[in-house]
Amino acid sequence: MRTNIEIDDQLMAEAQQLAGTSTKRETVDLALRELVGRHRQLGILRLKGRVHWEGDLQVSRAGRR
């Protein structure tokens, strides 16, 4: 999707430096992916203690060895 927005030049430069990106597009794309990922993780964390799991943890882990 093509869009046109105004972004603070200093903020963009700092974001590019921190992210190690070379283009503004790459920087914005990474920032959006990070934001969405963070909110998804928060949603999962909110489930802590609310999901009932039945099973044997040792049996579940045995398949990973």
PDB file of N, CA and C in Angstrom:
ATOM      1  N   MET A   1       0.856  -1.166   0.000  1.00  0.00           N
ATOM      2  CA  MET A   1       0.000   0.000   0.000  1.00  0.00           C
ATOM      3  C   MET A   1       0.903   1.230   0.000  1.00  0.00           C
ATOM      4  N   ARG A   2       0.594   2.135  -0.812  1.00  0.00           N
ATOM      5  CA  ARG A   2       1.341   3.377  -0.889  1.00  0.00           C
ATOM      6  C   ARG A   2       0.618   4.426  -0.066  1.00  0.00           C
ATOM      7  N   THR A   3       1.400   5.152   0.757  1.00  0.00           N
ATOM      8  CA  THR A   3       0.818   6.218   1.563  1.00  0.00           C
ATOM      9  C   THR A   3       1.841   7.330   1.723  1.00  0.00           C
ATOM     10  N   ASN A   4       1.370   8.488   2.087  1.00  0.00           N
ATOM     11  CA  ASN A   4       2.233   9.649   2.232  1.00  0.00           C
ATOM     12  C   ASN A   4       2.032  10.228   3.628  1.00  0.00           C
ATOM     13  N   ILE A   5       3.095  10.215   4.456  1.00  0.00           N
ATOM     14  CA  ILE A   5       2.982  10.733   5.815  1.00  0.00           C
ATOM     15  C   ILE A   5       4.196  11.601   6.144  1.00  0.00           C
ATOM     16  N   GLU A   6       4.017  12.488   7.110  1.00  0.00           N
ATOM     17  CA  GLU A   6       5.129  13.298   7.598  1.00  0.00           C
ATOM     18  C   GLU A   6       5.698  12.635   8.840  1.00  0.00           C
ATOM     19  N   ILE A   7       7.013  12.423   8.836  1.00  0.00           N
ATOM     20  CA  ILE A   7       7.705  11.806   9.961  1.00  0.00           C
ATOM     21  C   ILE A   7       8.874  12.703  10.342  1.00  0.00           C
ATOM     22  N   ASP A   8       9.058  12.893  11.625  1.00  0.00           N
ATOM     23  CA  ASP A   8      10.164  13.699  12.135  1.00  0.00           C
ATOM     24  C   ASP A   8      11.488  13.141  11.603  1.00  0.00           C
ATOM     25  N   ASP A   9      12.283  13.986  10.950  1.00  0.00           N
ATOM     26  CA  ASP A   9      13.538  13.544  10.332  1.00  0.00           C
ATOM     27  C   ASP A   9      14.530  12.987  11.352  1.00  0.00           C
ATOM     28  N   GLN A  10      14.643  13.640  12.499  1.00  0.00           N
ATOM     29  CA  GLN A  10      15.576  13.165  13.527  1.00  0.00           C
ATOM     30  C   GLN A  10      15.131  11.821  14.097  1.00  0.00           C
ATOM     31  N   LEU A  11      13.831  11.676  14.292  1.00  0.00           N
ATOM     32  CA  LEU A  11      13.297  10.413  14.798  1.00  0.00           C
ATOM     33  C   LEU A  11      13.543   9.289  13.798  1.00  0.00           C
ATOM     34  N   MET A  12      13.333   9.571  12.522  1.00  0.00           N
ATOM     35  CA  MET A  12      13.564   8.564  11.487  1.00  0.00           C
ATOM     36  C   MET A  12      15.036   8.181  11.433  1.00  0.00           C
ATOM     37  N   ALA A  13      15.919   9.165  11.497  1.00  0.00           N
ATOM     38  CA  ALA A  13      17.351   8.886  11.446  1.00  0.00           C
ATOM     39  C   ALA A  13      17.779   8.028  12.633  1.00  0.00           C
ATOM     40  N   GLU A  14      17.264   8.355  13.808  1.00  0.00           N
ATOM     41  CA  GLU A  14      17.604   7.572  15.000  1.00  0.00           C
ATOM     42  C   GLU A  14      17.051   6.153  14.893  1.00  0.00           C
ATOM     43  N   ALA A  15      15.831   6.027  14.404  1.00  0.00           N
ATOM     44  CA  ALA A  15      15.220   4.703  14.236  1.00  0.00           C
ATOM     45  C   ALA A  15      16.018   3.869  13.241  1.00  0.00           C
ATOM     46  N   GLN A  16      16.441   4.479  12.138  1.00  0.00           N
ATOM     47  CA  GLN A  16      17.230   3.757  11.143  1.00  0.00           C
ATOM     48  C   GLN A  16      18.555   3.295  11.740  1.00  0.00           C
ATOM     49  N   GLN A  17      19.178   4.156  12.522  1.00  0.00           N
ATOM     50  CA  GLN A  17      20.452   3.800  13.135  1.00  0.00           C
ATOM     51  C   GLN A  17      20.273   2.654  14.130  1.00  0.00           C
ATOM     52  N   LEU A  18      19.261   2.752  14.975  1.00  0.00           N
ATOM     53  CA  LEU A  18      19.022   1.710  15.977  1.00  0.00           C
ATOM     54  C   LEU A  18      18.648   0.376  15.341  1.00  0.00           C
ATOM     55  N   ALA A  19      17.854   0.440  14.278  1.00  0.00           N
ATOM     56  CA  ALA A  19      17.380  -0.784  13.631  1.00  0.00           C
ATOM     57  C   ALA A  19      18.387  -1.349  12.633  1.00  0.00           C
ATOM     58  N   GLY A  20      19.321  -0.519  12.221  1.00  0.00           N
ATOM     59  CA  GLY A  20      20.286  -0.966  11.222  1.00  0.00           C
ATOM     60  C   GLY A  20      19.679  -1.085   9.838  1.00  0.00           C
ATOM     61  N   THR A  21      18.654  -0.287   9.586  1.00  0.00           N
ATOM     62  CA  THR A  21      17.993  -0.309   8.286  1.00  0.00           C
ATOM     63  C   THR A  21      18.574   0.781   7.394  1.00  0.00           C
ATOM     64  N   SER A  22      18.442   0.586   6.087  1.00  0.00           N
ATOM     65  CA  SER A  22      19.040   1.546   5.156  1.00  0.00           C
ATOM     66  C   SER A  22      18.020   2.434   4.459  1.00  0.00           C
ATOM     67  N   THR A  23      16.746   2.065   4.536  1.00  0.00           N
ATOM     68  CA  THR A  23      15.726   2.892   3.887  1.00  0.00           C
ATOM     69  C   THR A  23      14.616   3.241   4.872  1.00  0.00           C
ATOM     70  N   LYS A  24      13.926   4.319   4.564  1.00  0.00           N
ATOM     71  CA  LYS A  24      12.797   4.724   5.401  1.00  0.00           C
ATOM     72  C   LYS A  24      11.698   3.671   5.351  1.00  0.00           C
ATOM     73  N   ARG A  25      11.468   3.137   4.174  1.00  0.00           N
ATOM     74  CA  ARG A  25      10.428   2.114   4.018  1.00  0.00           C
ATOM     75  C   ARG A  25      10.719   0.897   4.892  1.00  0.00           C
ATOM     76  N   GLU A  26      11.963   0.457   4.857  1.00  0.00           N
ATOM     77  CA  GLU A  26      12.377  -0.696   5.659  1.00  0.00           C
ATOM     78  C   GLU A  26      12.214  -0.392   7.156  1.00  0.00           C
ATOM     79  N   THR A  27      12.541   0.820   7.539  1.00  0.00           N
ATOM     80  CA  THR A  27      12.432   1.233   8.938  1.00  0.00           C
ATOM     81  C   THR A  27      10.987   1.245   9.404  1.00  0.00           C
ATOM     82  N   VAL A  28      10.107   1.831   8.604  1.00  0.00           N
ATOM     83  CA  VAL A  28       8.689   1.892   8.964  1.00  0.00           C
ATOM     84  C   VAL A  28       8.097   0.488   9.004  1.00  0.00           C
ATOM     85  N   ASP A  29       8.448  -0.345   8.036  1.00  0.00           N
ATOM     86  CA  ASP A  29       7.940  -1.715   8.000  1.00  0.00           C
ATOM     87  C   ASP A  29       8.366  -2.477   9.259  1.00  0.00           C
ATOM     88  N   LEU A  30       9.631  -2.356   9.625  1.00  0.00           N
ATOM     89  CA  LEU A  30      10.130  -3.028  10.823  1.00  0.00           C
ATOM     90  C   LEU A  30       9.424  -2.512  12.074  1.00  0.00           C
ATOM     91  N   ALA A  31       9.260  -1.200  12.163  1.00  0.00           N
ATOM     92  CA  ALA A  31       8.603  -0.612  13.335  1.00  0.00           C
ATOM     93  C   ALA A  31       7.168  -1.101  13.471  1.00  0.00           C
ATOM     94  N   LEU A  32       6.453  -1.181  12.362  1.00  0.00           N
ATOM     95  CA  LEU A  32       5.069  -1.661  12.405  1.00  0.00           C
ATOM     96  C   LEU A  32       5.008  -3.132  12.810  1.00  0.00           C
ATOM     97  N   ARG A  33       5.917  -3.938  12.268  1.00  0.00           N
ATOM     98  CA  ARG A  33       5.953  -5.356  12.632  1.00  0.00           C
ATOM     99  C   ARG A  33       6.273  -5.538  14.123  1.00  0.00           C
ATOM    100  N   GLU A  34       7.205  -4.735  14.626  1.00  0.00           N
ATOM    101  CA  GLU A  34       7.554  -4.791  16.050  1.00  0.00           C
ATOM    102  C   GLU A  34       6.358  -4.405  16.919  1.00  0.00           C
ATOM    103  N   LEU A  35       5.644  -3.367  16.535  1.00  0.00           N
ATOM    104  CA  LEU A  35       4.479  -2.912  17.299  1.00  0.00           C
ATOM    105  C   LEU A  35       3.396  -3.985  17.340  1.00  0.00           C
ATOM    106  N   VAL A  36       3.097  -4.554  16.190  1.00  0.00           N
ATOM    107  CA  VAL A  36       2.072  -5.601  16.122  1.00  0.00           C
ATOM    108  C   VAL A  36       2.514  -6.820  16.934  1.00  0.00           C
ATOM    109  N   GLY A  37       3.772  -7.208  16.798  1.00  0.00           N
ATOM    110  CA  GLY A  37       4.284  -8.352  17.550  1.00  0.00           C
ATOM    111  C   GLY A  37       4.216  -8.136  19.048  1.00  0.00           C
ATOM    112  N   ARG A  38       4.557  -6.932  19.488  1.00  0.00           N
ATOM    113  CA  ARG A  38       4.511  -6.620  20.920  1.00  0.00           C
ATOM    114  C   ARG A  38       3.093  -6.725  21.456  1.00  0.00           C
ATOM    115  N   HIS A  39       2.130  -6.228  20.708  1.00  0.00           N
ATOM    116  CA  HIS A  39       0.741  -6.294  21.169  1.00  0.00           C
ATOM    117  C   HIS A  39       0.211  -7.725  21.167  1.00  0.00           C
ATOM    118  N   ARG A  40       0.654  -8.529  20.214  1.00  0.00           N
ATOM    119  CA  ARG A  40       0.258  -9.944  20.215  1.00  0.00           C
ATOM    120  C   ARG A  40       0.830 -10.651  21.438  1.00  0.00           C
ATOM    121  N   GLN A  41       2.078 -10.347  21.775  1.00  0.00           N
ATOM    122  CA  GLN A  41       2.699 -10.951  22.955  1.00  0.00           C
ATOM    123  C   GLN A  41       1.964 -10.541  24.224  1.00  0.00           C
ATOM    124  N   LEU A  42       1.576  -9.279  24.307  1.00  0.00           N
ATOM    125  CA  LEU A  42       0.829  -8.818  25.475  1.00  0.00           C
ATOM    126  C   LEU A  42      -0.499  -9.557  25.597  1.00  0.00           C
ATOM    127  N   GLY A  43      -1.136  -9.827  24.468  1.00  0.00           N
ATOM    128  CA  GLY A  43      -2.386 -10.578  24.484  1.00  0.00           C
ATOM    129  C   GLY A  43      -2.188 -11.978  25.028  1.00  0.00           C
ATOM    130  N   ILE A  44      -1.083 -12.594  24.653  1.00  0.00           N
ATOM    131  CA  ILE A  44      -0.779 -13.936  25.153  1.00  0.00           C
ATOM    132  C   ILE A  44      -0.474 -13.881  26.648  1.00  0.00           C
ATOM    133  N   LEU A  45       0.271 -12.867  27.070  1.00  0.00           N
ATOM    134  CA  LEU A  45       0.594 -12.738  28.498  1.00  0.00           C
ATOM    135  C   LEU A  45      -0.649 -12.539  29.348  1.00  0.00           C
ATOM    136  N   ARG A  46      -1.658 -11.900  28.796  1.00  0.00           N
ATOM    137  CA  ARG A  46      -2.902 -11.684  29.545  1.00  0.00           C
ATOM    138  C   ARG A  46      -3.623 -13.003  29.842  1.00  0.00           C
ATOM    139  N   LEU A  47      -3.297 -14.039  29.093  1.00  0.00           N
ATOM    140  CA  LEU A  47      -3.922 -15.347  29.301  1.00  0.00           C
ATOM    141  C   LEU A  47      -3.283 -16.119  30.455  1.00  0.00           C
ATOM    142  N   LYS A  48      -2.157 -15.628  30.952  1.00  0.00           N
ATOM    143  CA  LYS A  48      -1.440 -16.332  32.022  1.00  0.00           C
ATOM    144  C   LYS A  48      -2.368 -16.586  33.209  1.00  0.00           C
ATOM    145  N   GLY A  49      -2.444 -17.849  33.590  1.00  0.00           N
ATOM    146  CA  GLY A  49      -3.274 -18.236  34.721  1.00  0.00           C
ATOM    147  C   GLY A  49      -4.736 -18.446  34.372  1.00  0.00           C
ATOM    148  N   ARG A  50      -5.113 -18.216  33.138  1.00  0.00           N
ATOM    149  CA  ARG A  50      -6.521 -18.342  32.737  1.00  0.00           C
ATOM    150  C   ARG A  50      -6.787 -19.563  31.859  1.00  0.00           C
ATOM    151  N   VAL A  51      -5.730 -20.156  31.346  1.00  0.00           N
ATOM    152  CA  VAL A  51      -5.889 -21.304  30.456  1.00  0.00           C
ATOM    153  C   VAL A  51      -5.642 -22.570  31.264  1.00  0.00           C
ATOM    154  N   HIS A  52      -6.600 -23.471  31.232  1.00  0.00           N
ATOM    155  CA  HIS A  52      -6.465 -24.733  31.953  1.00  0.00           C
ATOM    156  C   HIS A  52      -5.846 -25.764  31.018  1.00  0.00           C
ATOM    157  N   TRP A  53      -4.748 -26.371  31.463  1.00  0.00           N
ATOM    158  CA  TRP A  53      -4.068 -27.364  30.664  1.00  0.00           C
ATOM    159  C   TRP A  53      -4.038 -28.675  31.418  1.00  0.00           C
ATOM    160  N   GLU A  54      -4.400 -29.731  30.726  1.00  0.00           N
ATOM    161  CA  GLU A  54      -4.340 -31.065  31.313  1.00  0.00           C
ATOM    162  C   GLU A  54      -3.330 -31.872  30.526  1.00  0.00           C
ATOM    163  N   GLY A  55      -2.488 -32.559  31.211  1.00  0.00           N
ATOM    164  CA  GLY A  55      -1.497 -33.381  30.542  1.00  0.00           C
ATOM    165  C   GLY A  55      -0.310 -33.616  31.453  1.00  0.00           C
ATOM    166  N   ASP A  56       0.626 -34.384  30.953  1.00  0.00           N
ATOM    167  CA  ASP A  56       1.834 -34.700  31.700  1.00  0.00           C
ATOM    168  C   ASP A  56       2.990 -33.932  31.071  1.00  0.00           C
ATOM    169  N   LEU A  57       3.533 -32.991  31.806  1.00  0.00           N
ATOM    170  CA  LEU A  57       4.602 -32.155  31.290  1.00  0.00           C
ATOM    171  C   LEU A  57       5.832 -32.981  30.928  1.00  0.00           C
ATOM    172  N   GLN A  58       6.136 -33.991  31.705  1.00  0.00           N
ATOM    173  CA  GLN A  58       7.296 -34.841  31.425  1.00  0.00           C
ATOM    174  C   GLN A  58       7.121 -35.579  30.098  1.00  0.00           C
ATOM    175  N   VAL A  59       5.925 -36.078  29.854  1.00  0.00           N
ATOM    176  CA  VAL A  59       5.651 -36.782  28.595  1.00  0.00           C
ATOM    177  C   VAL A  59       5.756 -35.801  27.428  1.00  0.00           C
ATOM    178  N   SER A  60       5.233 -34.628  27.625  1.00  0.00           N
ATOM    179  CA  SER A  60       5.275 -33.611  26.582  1.00  0.00           C
ATOM    180  C   SER A  60       6.712 -33.231  26.246  1.00  0.00           C
ATOM    181  N   ARG A  61       7.542 -33.102  27.260  1.00  0.00           N
ATOM    182  CA  ARG A  61       8.941 -32.726  27.050  1.00  0.00           C
ATOM    183  C   ARG A  61       9.776 -33.878  26.506  1.00  0.00           C
ATOM    184  N   ALA A  62       9.377 -35.105  26.746  1.00  0.00           N
ATOM    185  CA  ALA A  62      10.155 -36.272  26.326  1.00  0.00           C
ATOM    186  C   ALA A  62      10.335 -36.310  24.815  1.00  0.00           C
ATOM    187  N   GLY A  63       9.373 -35.845  24.085  1.00  0.00           N
ATOM    188  CA  GLY A  63       9.464 -35.855  22.633  1.00  0.00           C
ATOM    189  C   GLY A  63      10.465 -34.862  22.078  1.00  0.00           C
ATOM    190  N   ARG A  64      10.956 -33.971  22.898  1.00  0.00           N
ATOM    191  CA  ARG A  64      11.884 -32.932  22.439  1.00  0.00           C
ATOM    192  C   ARG A  64      13.345 -33.354  22.540  1.00  0.00           C
ATOM    193  N   ARG A  65      13.597 -34.442  23.187  1.00  0.00           N
ATOM    194  CA  ARG A  65      14.996 -34.859  23.396  1.00  0.00           C
ATOM    195  C   ARG A  65      15.560 -35.567  22.227  1.00  0.00           C
TER     196      ARG A  65
END
